[in-house]
Amino acid sequence: MTSDSQTLANQANAKHSTGAKTAAGKLAVSQNAIRHGLLSNKLFLANESTADYTDLLDGLMESCKPVGHLESLLVEKIAVSFWRQRRLVSAESAAITFEALQEAMRMQQQIKDVDDPLHYLLGDITEAEKMQKKGQLAELGKMAQARSSAPINNDLLIRYSTGLDNELFKAIAALRAEQEFRIKNAGD
């Protein structure tokens, strides 16, 4: 059981950790829970390009030629489904890269007599190439850190892929049905 003085001390300490106060800080901490982004309610993650999405949406609008607001919304839903599938492929690539990185780290553990374990990865290359490879290794390290905090197994990827496929096919079917309805009733 805590004493009254301990309770008061705990309450005083709690006042020091009230979270982010600035708009920038709140925006930064809002991203803390995002691991792979497959279920994110945000359309764009930090590493994604709005221009790429716009190109995708514009291409779909051109291909599907929606008429009216409902058809346009269905094409947007199709674009979002494709966008999330692209994110899924990225997550799968990260998972594969992470597995390869783990294997490389296991191999490095076996090399005990070398001062610089990067020697085996770098070989006889120029300084610029060494810097590039070290940068790539640093990126892989970051990816491994993120990946280890949110492991994505194949079953989870398959489940997400199936859900995204179903969402995509339903949106396409709804768009086709709406377009067929519009064309059928255009003559009336």
N, C-alpha and C. Protein backbone atom coordinates (compact mmCIF):
# COMPACT_ATOMS: atom_id res chain seq x y z
N MET A 1 0.85 -1.18 0.00
CA MET A 1 0.00 0.00 0.00
C MET A 1 0.89 1.24 0.00
N THR A 2 0.51 2.23 -0.80
CA THR A 2 1.34 3.43 -0.88
C THR A 2 0.96 4.41 0.22
N SER A 3 1.97 5.11 0.65
CA SER A 3 1.75 6.10 1.70
C SER A 3 1.17 7.37 1.08
N ASP A 4 0.68 8.25 1.98
CA ASP A 4 0.13 9.53 1.49
C ASP A 4 1.21 10.36 0.81
N SER A 5 2.41 10.34 1.34
CA SER A 5 3.49 11.13 0.74
C SER A 5 3.87 10.56 -0.63
N GLN A 6 3.84 9.23 -0.79
CA GLN A 6 4.13 8.62 -2.08
C GLN A 6 3.03 8.95 -3.10
N THR A 7 1.79 8.95 -2.66
CA THR A 7 0.68 9.31 -3.54
C THR A 7 0.83 10.74 -4.03
N LEU A 8 1.18 11.66 -3.11
CA LEU A 8 1.38 13.06 -3.49
C LEU A 8 2.55 13.20 -4.45
N ALA A 9 3.62 12.47 -4.21
CA ALA A 9 4.78 12.51 -5.10
C ALA A 9 4.40 11.98 -6.49
N ASN A 10 3.62 10.89 -6.54
CA ASN A 10 3.18 10.34 -7.82
C ASN A 10 2.30 11.33 -8.58
N GLN A 11 1.42 12.02 -7.87
CA GLN A 11 0.55 13.01 -8.52
C GLN A 11 1.37 14.18 -9.05
N ALA A 12 2.37 14.59 -8.30
CA ALA A 12 3.23 15.69 -8.74
C ALA A 12 4.02 15.28 -9.99
N ASN A 13 4.53 14.06 -9.99
CA ASN A 13 5.27 13.57 -11.16
C ASN A 13 4.37 13.44 -12.38
N ALA A 14 3.13 13.04 -12.18
CA ALA A 14 2.20 12.86 -13.29
C ALA A 14 1.94 14.18 -14.02
N LYS A 15 2.03 15.28 -13.29
CA LYS A 15 1.80 16.59 -13.92
C LYS A 15 2.91 16.96 -14.90
N HIS A 16 4.07 16.32 -14.76
CA HIS A 16 5.19 16.60 -15.66
C HIS A 16 5.08 15.85 -16.98
N SER A 17 4.29 14.80 -17.03
CA SER A 17 4.19 13.99 -18.25
C SER A 17 2.77 14.04 -18.79
N THR A 18 2.40 15.17 -19.32
CA THR A 18 1.03 15.35 -19.82
C THR A 18 0.95 15.24 -21.34
N GLY A 19 2.02 14.87 -22.00
CA GLY A 19 1.98 14.68 -23.45
C GLY A 19 2.38 15.92 -24.21
N ALA A 20 2.23 15.84 -25.50
CA ALA A 20 2.62 16.94 -26.38
C ALA A 20 1.70 18.14 -26.18
N LYS A 21 2.29 19.32 -26.27
CA LYS A 21 1.52 20.55 -26.08
C LYS A 21 1.39 21.36 -27.37
N THR A 22 2.41 21.34 -28.22
CA THR A 22 2.38 22.12 -29.45
C THR A 22 1.68 21.33 -30.55
N ALA A 23 1.23 22.04 -31.57
CA ALA A 23 0.58 21.38 -32.71
C ALA A 23 1.54 20.42 -33.40
N ALA A 24 2.81 20.85 -33.55
CA ALA A 24 3.81 19.98 -34.19
C ALA A 24 4.06 18.73 -33.35
N GLY A 25 4.11 18.90 -32.04
CA GLY A 25 4.33 17.75 -31.15
C GLY A 25 3.16 16.79 -31.19
N LYS A 26 1.95 17.33 -31.21
CA LYS A 26 0.76 16.48 -31.27
C LYS A 26 0.71 15.71 -32.59
N LEU A 27 1.09 16.39 -33.68
CA LEU A 27 1.13 15.73 -34.98
C LEU A 27 2.15 14.60 -34.97
N ALA A 28 3.31 14.85 -34.36
CA ALA A 28 4.36 13.84 -34.32
C ALA A 28 3.91 12.62 -33.51
N VAL A 29 3.33 12.82 -32.35
CA VAL A 29 2.95 11.68 -31.52
C VAL A 29 1.73 10.96 -32.07
N SER A 30 0.96 11.62 -32.94
CA SER A 30 -0.19 10.94 -33.54
C SER A 30 0.25 9.79 -34.43
N GLN A 31 1.52 9.80 -34.85
CA GLN A 31 2.06 8.75 -35.72
C GLN A 31 2.69 7.61 -34.94
N ASN A 32 2.73 7.70 -33.61
CA ASN A 32 3.43 6.70 -32.80
C ASN A 32 2.89 5.28 -32.99
N ALA A 33 1.59 5.15 -33.12
CA ALA A 33 1.00 3.81 -33.20
C ALA A 33 1.09 3.19 -34.59
N ILE A 34 1.44 3.97 -35.61
CA ILE A 34 1.49 3.44 -36.98
C ILE A 34 2.71 2.54 -37.11
N ARG A 35 2.47 1.30 -37.48
CA ARG A 35 3.56 0.37 -37.65
C ARG A 35 3.73 0.06 -39.14
N HIS A 36 2.76 -0.59 -39.74
CA HIS A 36 2.85 -0.89 -41.17
C HIS A 36 1.87 -0.06 -41.98
N GLY A 37 0.88 0.55 -41.33
CA GLY A 37 -0.04 1.44 -42.01
C GLY A 37 -1.15 0.75 -42.79
N LEU A 38 -1.24 -0.57 -42.71
CA LEU A 38 -2.23 -1.27 -43.50
C LEU A 38 -3.65 -0.97 -43.03
N LEU A 39 -3.81 -0.66 -41.76
CA LEU A 39 -5.14 -0.37 -41.23
C LEU A 39 -5.30 1.11 -40.88
N SER A 40 -4.38 1.92 -41.32
CA SER A 40 -4.41 3.34 -40.99
C SER A 40 -5.64 4.01 -41.57
N ASN A 41 -6.22 4.94 -40.79
CA ASN A 41 -7.33 5.71 -41.33
C ASN A 41 -6.83 6.92 -42.12
N LYS A 42 -5.52 7.08 -42.18
CA LYS A 42 -4.93 8.16 -42.98
C LYS A 42 -4.62 7.62 -44.37
N LEU A 43 -4.91 8.42 -45.36
CA LEU A 43 -4.67 7.97 -46.73
C LEU A 43 -3.19 7.95 -47.06
N PHE A 44 -2.44 8.93 -46.52
CA PHE A 44 -1.02 9.03 -46.83
C PHE A 44 -0.18 8.86 -45.56
N LEU A 45 0.80 8.00 -45.64
CA LEU A 45 1.78 7.89 -44.58
C LEU A 45 2.96 8.79 -44.93
N ALA A 46 3.87 8.96 -43.99
CA ALA A 46 4.97 9.91 -44.18
C ALA A 46 5.82 9.61 -45.41
N ASN A 47 5.97 8.34 -45.75
CA ASN A 47 6.85 7.97 -46.86
C ASN A 47 6.11 7.84 -48.19
N GLU A 48 4.85 8.24 -48.25
CA GLU A 48 4.08 8.08 -49.46
C GLU A 48 3.89 9.42 -50.18
N SER A 49 3.77 9.36 -51.49
CA SER A 49 3.69 10.55 -52.32
C SER A 49 2.24 10.83 -52.72
N THR A 50 1.78 12.03 -52.43
CA THR A 50 0.44 12.42 -52.86
C THR A 50 0.36 12.49 -54.39
N ALA A 51 1.47 12.82 -55.03
CA ALA A 51 1.50 12.88 -56.50
C ALA A 51 1.27 11.49 -57.10
N ASP A 52 1.85 10.46 -56.48
CA ASP A 52 1.64 9.10 -56.98
C ASP A 52 0.17 8.71 -56.87
N TYR A 53 -0.45 9.07 -55.76
CA TYR A 53 -1.87 8.76 -55.59
C TYR A 53 -2.71 9.53 -56.61
N THR A 54 -2.38 10.79 -56.80
CA THR A 54 -3.12 11.61 -57.77
C THR A 54 -3.00 11.02 -59.17
N ASP A 55 -1.81 10.55 -59.54
CA ASP A 55 -1.63 9.89 -60.85
C ASP A 55 -2.52 8.65 -60.95
N LEU A 56 -2.55 7.86 -59.89
CA LEU A 56 -3.38 6.65 -59.87
C LEU A 56 -4.85 7.02 -60.03
N LEU A 57 -5.31 7.99 -59.24
CA LEU A 57 -6.71 8.40 -59.31
C LEU A 57 -7.05 8.99 -60.68
N ASP A 58 -6.19 9.84 -61.21
CA ASP A 58 -6.44 10.42 -62.53
C ASP A 58 -6.53 9.34 -63.61
N GLY A 59 -5.64 8.36 -63.54
CA GLY A 59 -5.68 7.26 -64.51
C GLY A 59 -6.96 6.45 -64.41
N LEU A 60 -7.40 6.20 -63.18
CA LEU A 60 -8.65 5.45 -63.00
C LEU A 60 -9.85 6.27 -63.46
N MET A 61 -9.83 7.56 -63.20
CA MET A 61 -10.93 8.43 -63.66
C MET A 61 -11.00 8.41 -65.19
N GLU A 62 -9.84 8.44 -65.83
CA GLU A 62 -9.79 8.42 -67.29
C GLU A 62 -10.27 7.07 -67.83
N SER A 63 -9.87 5.98 -67.17
CA SER A 63 -10.24 4.65 -67.64
C SER A 63 -11.72 4.36 -67.40
N CYS A 64 -12.22 4.73 -66.23
CA CYS A 64 -13.60 4.37 -65.85
C CYS A 64 -14.64 5.38 -66.33
N LYS A 65 -14.21 6.59 -66.62
CA LYS A 65 -15.09 7.65 -67.11
C LYS A 65 -16.38 7.77 -66.29
N PRO A 66 -16.23 8.05 -65.00
CA PRO A 66 -17.43 8.14 -64.16
C PRO A 66 -18.30 9.34 -64.55
N VAL A 67 -19.60 9.16 -64.40
CA VAL A 67 -20.56 10.23 -64.62
C VAL A 67 -21.30 10.44 -63.31
N GLY A 68 -21.27 11.63 -62.81
CA GLY A 68 -21.97 11.93 -61.57
C GLY A 68 -21.12 11.67 -60.34
N HIS A 69 -21.69 12.14 -59.24
CA HIS A 69 -20.95 12.09 -57.97
C HIS A 69 -20.77 10.66 -57.46
N LEU A 70 -21.80 9.83 -57.54
CA LEU A 70 -21.72 8.46 -57.01
C LEU A 70 -20.65 7.66 -57.75
N GLU A 71 -20.63 7.72 -59.06
CA GLU A 71 -19.63 6.99 -59.82
C GLU A 71 -18.23 7.51 -59.51
N SER A 72 -18.08 8.81 -59.35
CA SER A 72 -16.77 9.39 -59.00
C SER A 72 -16.31 8.88 -57.63
N LEU A 73 -17.24 8.80 -56.68
CA LEU A 73 -16.88 8.28 -55.34
C LEU A 73 -16.47 6.82 -55.41
N LEU A 74 -17.14 6.05 -56.25
CA LEU A 74 -16.77 4.64 -56.39
C LEU A 74 -15.39 4.49 -57.02
N VAL A 75 -15.06 5.35 -57.99
CA VAL A 75 -13.71 5.31 -58.58
C VAL A 75 -12.68 5.70 -57.52
N GLU A 76 -12.99 6.67 -56.68
CA GLU A 76 -12.08 7.04 -55.59
C GLU A 76 -11.88 5.86 -54.63
N LYS A 77 -12.96 5.14 -54.36
CA LYS A 77 -12.86 3.97 -53.47
C LYS A 77 -11.95 2.91 -54.10
N ILE A 78 -12.05 2.73 -55.40
CA ILE A 78 -11.18 1.80 -56.11
C ILE A 78 -9.73 2.26 -55.99
N ALA A 79 -9.50 3.57 -56.16
CA ALA A 79 -8.14 4.11 -56.05
C ALA A 79 -7.57 3.87 -54.66
N VAL A 80 -8.38 4.09 -53.63
CA VAL A 80 -7.92 3.88 -52.25
C VAL A 80 -7.57 2.40 -52.05
N SER A 81 -8.39 1.51 -52.59
CA SER A 81 -8.11 0.07 -52.46
C SER A 81 -6.79 -0.29 -53.13
N PHE A 82 -6.57 0.22 -54.33
CA PHE A 82 -5.29 -0.04 -55.01
C PHE A 82 -4.14 0.57 -54.21
N TRP A 83 -4.34 1.76 -53.67
CA TRP A 83 -3.31 2.44 -52.89
C TRP A 83 -2.92 1.60 -51.67
N ARG A 84 -3.92 1.06 -50.97
CA ARG A 84 -3.64 0.24 -49.79
C ARG A 84 -2.97 -1.08 -50.19
N GLN A 85 -3.32 -1.61 -51.37
CA GLN A 85 -2.65 -2.82 -51.83
C GLN A 85 -1.18 -2.53 -52.11
N ARG A 86 -0.88 -1.35 -52.63
CA ARG A 86 0.51 -0.95 -52.85
C ARG A 86 1.25 -0.89 -51.51
N ARG A 87 0.58 -0.39 -50.49
CA ARG A 87 1.16 -0.33 -49.15
C ARG A 87 1.41 -1.74 -48.61
N LEU A 88 0.51 -2.66 -48.93
CA LEU A 88 0.68 -4.04 -48.52
C LEU A 88 1.92 -4.65 -49.15
N VAL A 89 2.13 -4.38 -50.43
CA VAL A 89 3.32 -4.89 -51.12
C VAL A 89 4.58 -4.32 -50.46
N SER A 90 4.54 -3.05 -50.08
CA SER A 90 5.68 -2.44 -49.39
C SER A 90 5.94 -3.12 -48.06
N ALA A 91 4.87 -3.41 -47.33
CA ALA A 91 5.03 -4.09 -46.03
C ALA A 91 5.60 -5.49 -46.24
N GLU A 92 5.16 -6.17 -47.27
CA GLU A 92 5.67 -7.50 -47.57
C GLU A 92 7.15 -7.42 -47.95
N SER A 93 7.51 -6.42 -48.75
CA SER A 93 8.92 -6.23 -49.11
C SER A 93 9.77 -5.96 -47.89
N ALA A 94 9.24 -5.15 -46.98
CA ALA A 94 9.97 -4.86 -45.74
C ALA A 94 10.15 -6.13 -44.92
N ALA A 95 9.13 -6.97 -44.90
CA ALA A 95 9.24 -8.23 -44.15
C ALA A 95 10.32 -9.13 -44.75
N ILE A 96 10.37 -9.20 -46.06
CA ILE A 96 11.38 -10.02 -46.74
C ILE A 96 12.77 -9.45 -46.48
N THR A 97 12.90 -8.12 -46.60
CA THR A 97 14.18 -7.47 -46.36
C THR A 97 14.62 -7.69 -44.92
N PHE A 98 13.67 -7.61 -44.01
CA PHE A 98 14.00 -7.82 -42.60
C PHE A 98 14.55 -9.23 -42.37
N GLU A 99 13.93 -10.21 -43.00
CA GLU A 99 14.41 -11.59 -42.86
C GLU A 99 15.83 -11.71 -43.41
N ALA A 100 16.09 -11.06 -44.55
CA ALA A 100 17.44 -11.09 -45.13
C ALA A 100 18.43 -10.39 -44.21
N LEU A 101 18.01 -9.29 -43.61
CA LEU A 101 18.88 -8.57 -42.68
C LEU A 101 19.20 -9.42 -41.46
N GLN A 102 18.19 -10.11 -40.95
CA GLN A 102 18.44 -11.00 -39.81
C GLN A 102 19.47 -12.07 -40.15
N GLU A 103 19.37 -12.61 -41.36
CA GLU A 103 20.33 -13.63 -41.78
C GLU A 103 21.73 -13.03 -41.88
N ALA A 104 21.83 -11.81 -42.43
CA ALA A 104 23.13 -11.15 -42.52
C ALA A 104 23.70 -10.89 -41.13
N MET A 105 22.84 -10.52 -40.19
CA MET A 105 23.31 -10.29 -38.82
C MET A 105 23.78 -11.59 -38.17
N ARG A 106 23.10 -12.68 -38.47
CA ARG A 106 23.55 -13.99 -37.95
C ARG A 106 24.94 -14.33 -38.51
N MET A 107 25.14 -14.02 -39.80
CA MET A 107 26.45 -14.29 -40.40
C MET A 107 27.51 -13.40 -39.76
N GLN A 108 27.17 -12.15 -39.48
CA GLN A 108 28.14 -11.25 -38.85
C GLN A 108 28.53 -11.75 -37.46
N GLN A 109 27.59 -12.35 -36.77
CA GLN A 109 27.88 -12.89 -35.44
C GLN A 109 28.95 -13.98 -35.53
N GLN A 110 28.97 -14.69 -36.64
CA GLN A 110 29.92 -15.79 -36.81
C GLN A 110 31.32 -15.29 -37.15
N ILE A 111 31.42 -14.05 -37.58
CA ILE A 111 32.73 -13.49 -37.96
C ILE A 111 33.28 -12.75 -36.74
N LYS A 112 34.04 -13.42 -35.92
CA LYS A 112 34.50 -12.83 -34.67
C LYS A 112 35.90 -12.24 -34.76
N ASP A 113 36.68 -12.63 -35.73
CA ASP A 113 38.07 -12.20 -35.78
C ASP A 113 38.28 -10.95 -36.64
N VAL A 114 37.21 -10.33 -37.10
CA VAL A 114 37.34 -9.17 -37.96
C VAL A 114 36.94 -7.93 -37.16
N ASP A 115 37.80 -6.91 -37.20
CA ASP A 115 37.50 -5.68 -36.46
C ASP A 115 36.25 -5.00 -36.99
N ASP A 116 36.10 -4.94 -38.32
CA ASP A 116 34.97 -4.26 -38.93
C ASP A 116 34.14 -5.28 -39.70
N PRO A 117 32.97 -5.68 -39.16
CA PRO A 117 32.17 -6.70 -39.86
C PRO A 117 31.65 -6.21 -41.20
N LEU A 118 31.66 -4.91 -41.44
CA LEU A 118 31.22 -4.41 -42.74
C LEU A 118 32.21 -4.76 -43.85
N HIS A 119 33.45 -5.13 -43.45
CA HIS A 119 34.49 -5.47 -44.43
C HIS A 119 33.99 -6.51 -45.42
N TYR A 120 33.29 -7.54 -44.92
CA TYR A 120 32.82 -8.60 -45.80
C TYR A 120 31.71 -8.11 -46.73
N LEU A 121 30.96 -7.12 -46.28
CA LEU A 121 29.90 -6.59 -47.13
C LEU A 121 30.43 -5.55 -48.11
N LEU A 122 31.48 -4.84 -47.74
CA LEU A 122 31.96 -3.74 -48.55
C LEU A 122 33.00 -4.16 -49.58
N GLY A 123 33.92 -5.03 -49.20
CA GLY A 123 34.94 -5.50 -50.12
C GLY A 123 35.83 -4.39 -50.64
N ASP A 124 36.38 -4.55 -51.82
CA ASP A 124 37.26 -3.55 -52.44
C ASP A 124 36.42 -2.61 -53.30
N ILE A 125 35.89 -1.56 -52.67
CA ILE A 125 35.07 -0.60 -53.40
C ILE A 125 35.53 0.81 -53.05
N THR A 126 35.06 1.79 -53.81
CA THR A 126 35.47 3.17 -53.60
C THR A 126 34.85 3.72 -52.31
N GLU A 127 35.36 4.85 -51.86
CA GLU A 127 34.82 5.50 -50.66
C GLU A 127 33.36 5.88 -50.85
N ALA A 128 33.03 6.38 -52.03
CA ALA A 128 31.64 6.77 -52.31
C ALA A 128 30.72 5.55 -52.22
N GLU A 129 31.17 4.43 -52.78
CA GLU A 129 30.37 3.21 -52.71
C GLU A 129 30.24 2.72 -51.28
N LYS A 130 31.33 2.86 -50.49
CA LYS A 130 31.28 2.47 -49.08
C LYS A 130 30.25 3.30 -48.34
N MET A 131 30.25 4.61 -48.59
CA MET A 131 29.29 5.49 -47.92
C MET A 131 27.86 5.13 -48.32
N GLN A 132 27.67 4.83 -49.59
CA GLN A 132 26.34 4.45 -50.06
C GLN A 132 25.89 3.15 -49.38
N LYS A 133 26.79 2.17 -49.31
CA LYS A 133 26.44 0.89 -48.69
C LYS A 133 26.19 1.05 -47.19
N LYS A 134 26.98 1.89 -46.54
CA LYS A 134 26.75 2.13 -45.11
C LYS A 134 25.39 2.80 -44.91
N GLY A 135 25.02 3.71 -45.81
CA GLY A 135 23.71 4.34 -45.73
C GLY A 135 22.60 3.32 -45.92
N GLN A 136 22.81 2.40 -46.87
CA GLN A 136 21.82 1.35 -47.09
C GLN A 136 21.70 0.45 -45.87
N LEU A 137 22.83 0.13 -45.25
CA LEU A 137 22.80 -0.69 -44.04
C LEU A 137 22.09 0.03 -42.91
N ALA A 138 22.31 1.33 -42.81
CA ALA A 138 21.63 2.11 -41.78
C ALA A 138 20.11 2.08 -42.02
N GLU A 139 19.70 2.21 -43.28
CA GLU A 139 18.27 2.14 -43.61
C GLU A 139 17.71 0.77 -43.25
N LEU A 140 18.47 -0.28 -43.57
CA LEU A 140 18.02 -1.63 -43.22
C LEU A 140 17.91 -1.78 -41.71
N GLY A 141 18.83 -1.15 -41.00
CA GLY A 141 18.77 -1.20 -39.53
C GLY A 141 17.51 -0.54 -39.01
N LYS A 142 17.16 0.61 -39.58
CA LYS A 142 15.93 1.29 -39.18
C LYS A 142 14.71 0.43 -39.49
N MET A 143 14.76 -0.18 -40.69
CA MET A 143 13.66 -1.04 -41.10
C MET A 143 13.54 -2.23 -40.15
N ALA A 144 14.68 -2.78 -39.77
CA ALA A 144 14.67 -3.92 -38.85
C ALA A 144 14.10 -3.52 -37.51
N GLN A 145 14.46 -2.33 -37.05
CA GLN A 145 13.94 -1.86 -35.77
C GLN A 145 12.42 -1.71 -35.83
N ALA A 146 11.94 -1.08 -36.90
CA ALA A 146 10.50 -0.90 -37.05
C ALA A 146 9.82 -2.25 -37.22
N ARG A 147 10.42 -3.11 -38.01
CA ARG A 147 9.85 -4.43 -38.29
C ARG A 147 9.77 -5.27 -37.03
N SER A 148 10.81 -5.17 -36.18
CA SER A 148 10.81 -6.00 -34.98
C SER A 148 9.78 -5.50 -33.97
N SER A 149 9.42 -4.21 -34.04
CA SER A 149 8.40 -3.72 -33.12
C SER A 149 7.00 -4.06 -33.60
N ALA A 150 6.86 -4.39 -34.87
CA ALA A 150 5.56 -4.76 -35.41
C ALA A 150 5.72 -5.87 -36.42
N PRO A 151 6.03 -7.08 -35.95
CA PRO A 151 6.26 -8.15 -36.90
C PRO A 151 5.01 -8.44 -37.74
N ILE A 152 5.24 -8.64 -39.01
CA ILE A 152 4.16 -8.97 -39.92
C ILE A 152 4.43 -10.37 -40.43
N ASN A 153 3.57 -11.28 -40.10
CA ASN A 153 3.79 -12.63 -40.59
C ASN A 153 2.97 -12.86 -41.86
N ASN A 154 3.26 -13.93 -42.54
CA ASN A 154 2.60 -14.21 -43.82
C ASN A 154 1.10 -14.36 -43.67
N ASP A 155 0.64 -14.98 -42.58
CA ASP A 155 -0.80 -15.15 -42.39
C ASP A 155 -1.50 -13.79 -42.30
N LEU A 156 -0.88 -12.86 -41.60
CA LEU A 156 -1.45 -11.53 -41.47
C LEU A 156 -1.48 -10.82 -42.82
N LEU A 157 -0.40 -10.94 -43.59
CA LEU A 157 -0.35 -10.33 -44.91
C LEU A 157 -1.43 -10.91 -45.82
N ILE A 158 -1.61 -12.20 -45.76
CA ILE A 158 -2.63 -12.86 -46.59
C ILE A 158 -4.02 -12.39 -46.19
N ARG A 159 -4.25 -12.27 -44.88
CA ARG A 159 -5.55 -11.80 -44.40
C ARG A 159 -5.83 -10.38 -44.87
N TYR A 160 -4.85 -9.50 -44.74
CA TYR A 160 -5.02 -8.13 -45.20
C TYR A 160 -5.22 -8.08 -46.71
N SER A 161 -4.46 -8.89 -47.44
CA SER A 161 -4.57 -8.92 -48.89
C SER A 161 -5.96 -9.36 -49.32
N THR A 162 -6.48 -10.38 -48.67
CA THR A 162 -7.82 -10.87 -48.98
C THR A 162 -8.87 -9.80 -48.72
N GLY A 163 -8.75 -9.12 -47.60
CA GLY A 163 -9.69 -8.04 -47.28
C GLY A 163 -9.62 -6.92 -48.30
N LEU A 164 -8.41 -6.54 -48.68
CA LEU A 164 -8.26 -5.47 -49.67
C LEU A 164 -8.80 -5.90 -51.04
N ASP A 165 -8.55 -7.15 -51.41
CA ASP A 165 -9.08 -7.66 -52.67
C ASP A 165 -10.61 -7.61 -52.67
N ASN A 166 -11.22 -8.06 -51.57
CA ASN A 166 -12.68 -8.04 -51.47
C ASN A 166 -13.22 -6.62 -51.58
N GLU A 167 -12.56 -5.69 -50.89
CA GLU A 167 -12.98 -4.29 -50.94
C GLU A 167 -12.88 -3.75 -52.38
N LEU A 168 -11.79 -4.07 -53.05
CA LEU A 168 -11.58 -3.61 -54.42
C LEU A 168 -12.63 -4.19 -55.35
N PHE A 169 -12.86 -5.51 -55.28
CA PHE A 169 -13.81 -6.15 -56.19
C PHE A 169 -15.24 -5.65 -55.95
N LYS A 170 -15.59 -5.39 -54.69
CA LYS A 170 -16.92 -4.85 -54.39
C LYS A 170 -17.08 -3.45 -54.98
N ALA A 171 -16.04 -2.63 -54.87
CA ALA A 171 -16.12 -1.27 -55.42
C ALA A 171 -16.22 -1.32 -56.94
N ILE A 172 -15.47 -2.20 -57.58
CA ILE A 172 -15.55 -2.33 -59.04
C ILE A 172 -16.93 -2.81 -59.46
N ALA A 173 -17.46 -3.81 -58.74
CA ALA A 173 -18.79 -4.33 -59.06
C ALA A 173 -19.85 -3.25 -58.87
N ALA A 174 -19.74 -2.48 -57.81
CA ALA A 174 -20.70 -1.40 -57.57
C ALA A 174 -20.63 -0.34 -58.67
N LEU A 175 -19.42 -0.01 -59.09
CA LEU A 175 -19.26 0.96 -60.17
C LEU A 175 -19.88 0.45 -61.46
N ARG A 176 -19.58 -0.80 -61.79
CA ARG A 176 -20.15 -1.38 -63.02
C ARG A 176 -21.67 -1.40 -62.96
N ALA A 177 -22.23 -1.79 -61.81
CA ALA A 177 -23.68 -1.85 -61.66
C ALA A 177 -24.28 -0.45 -61.82
N GLU A 178 -23.64 0.53 -61.23
CA GLU A 178 -24.14 1.91 -61.33
C GLU A 178 -24.07 2.41 -62.77
N GLN A 179 -22.97 2.09 -63.47
CA GLN A 179 -22.83 2.52 -64.86
C GLN A 179 -23.86 1.82 -65.75
N GLU A 180 -24.05 0.52 -65.52
CA GLU A 180 -25.05 -0.22 -66.30
C GLU A 180 -26.45 0.33 -66.05
N PHE A 181 -26.75 0.66 -64.80
CA PHE A 181 -28.05 1.24 -64.45
C PHE A 181 -28.25 2.57 -65.16
N ARG A 182 -27.22 3.40 -65.14
CA ARG A 182 -27.28 4.71 -65.77
C ARG A 182 -27.52 4.56 -67.28
N ILE A 183 -26.77 3.67 -67.92
CA ILE A 183 -26.87 3.48 -69.38
C ILE A 183 -28.26 2.91 -69.72
N LYS A 184 -28.74 1.95 -68.91
CA LYS A 184 -30.05 1.33 -69.17
C LYS A 184 -31.16 2.36 -69.06
N ASN A 185 -31.05 3.26 -68.08
CA ASN A 185 -32.11 4.24 -67.85
C ASN A 185 -31.93 5.53 -68.63
N ALA A 186 -30.85 5.62 -69.38
CA ALA A 186 -30.61 6.81 -70.19
C ALA A 186 -31.62 6.91 -71.33
N GLY A 187 -32.07 5.78 -71.83
CA GLY A 187 -33.02 5.77 -72.94
C GLY A 187 -34.45 6.00 -72.49
N ASP A 188 -34.72 5.89 -71.19
CA ASP A 188 -36.10 6.05 -70.68
C ASP A 188 -36.53 7.48 -70.62
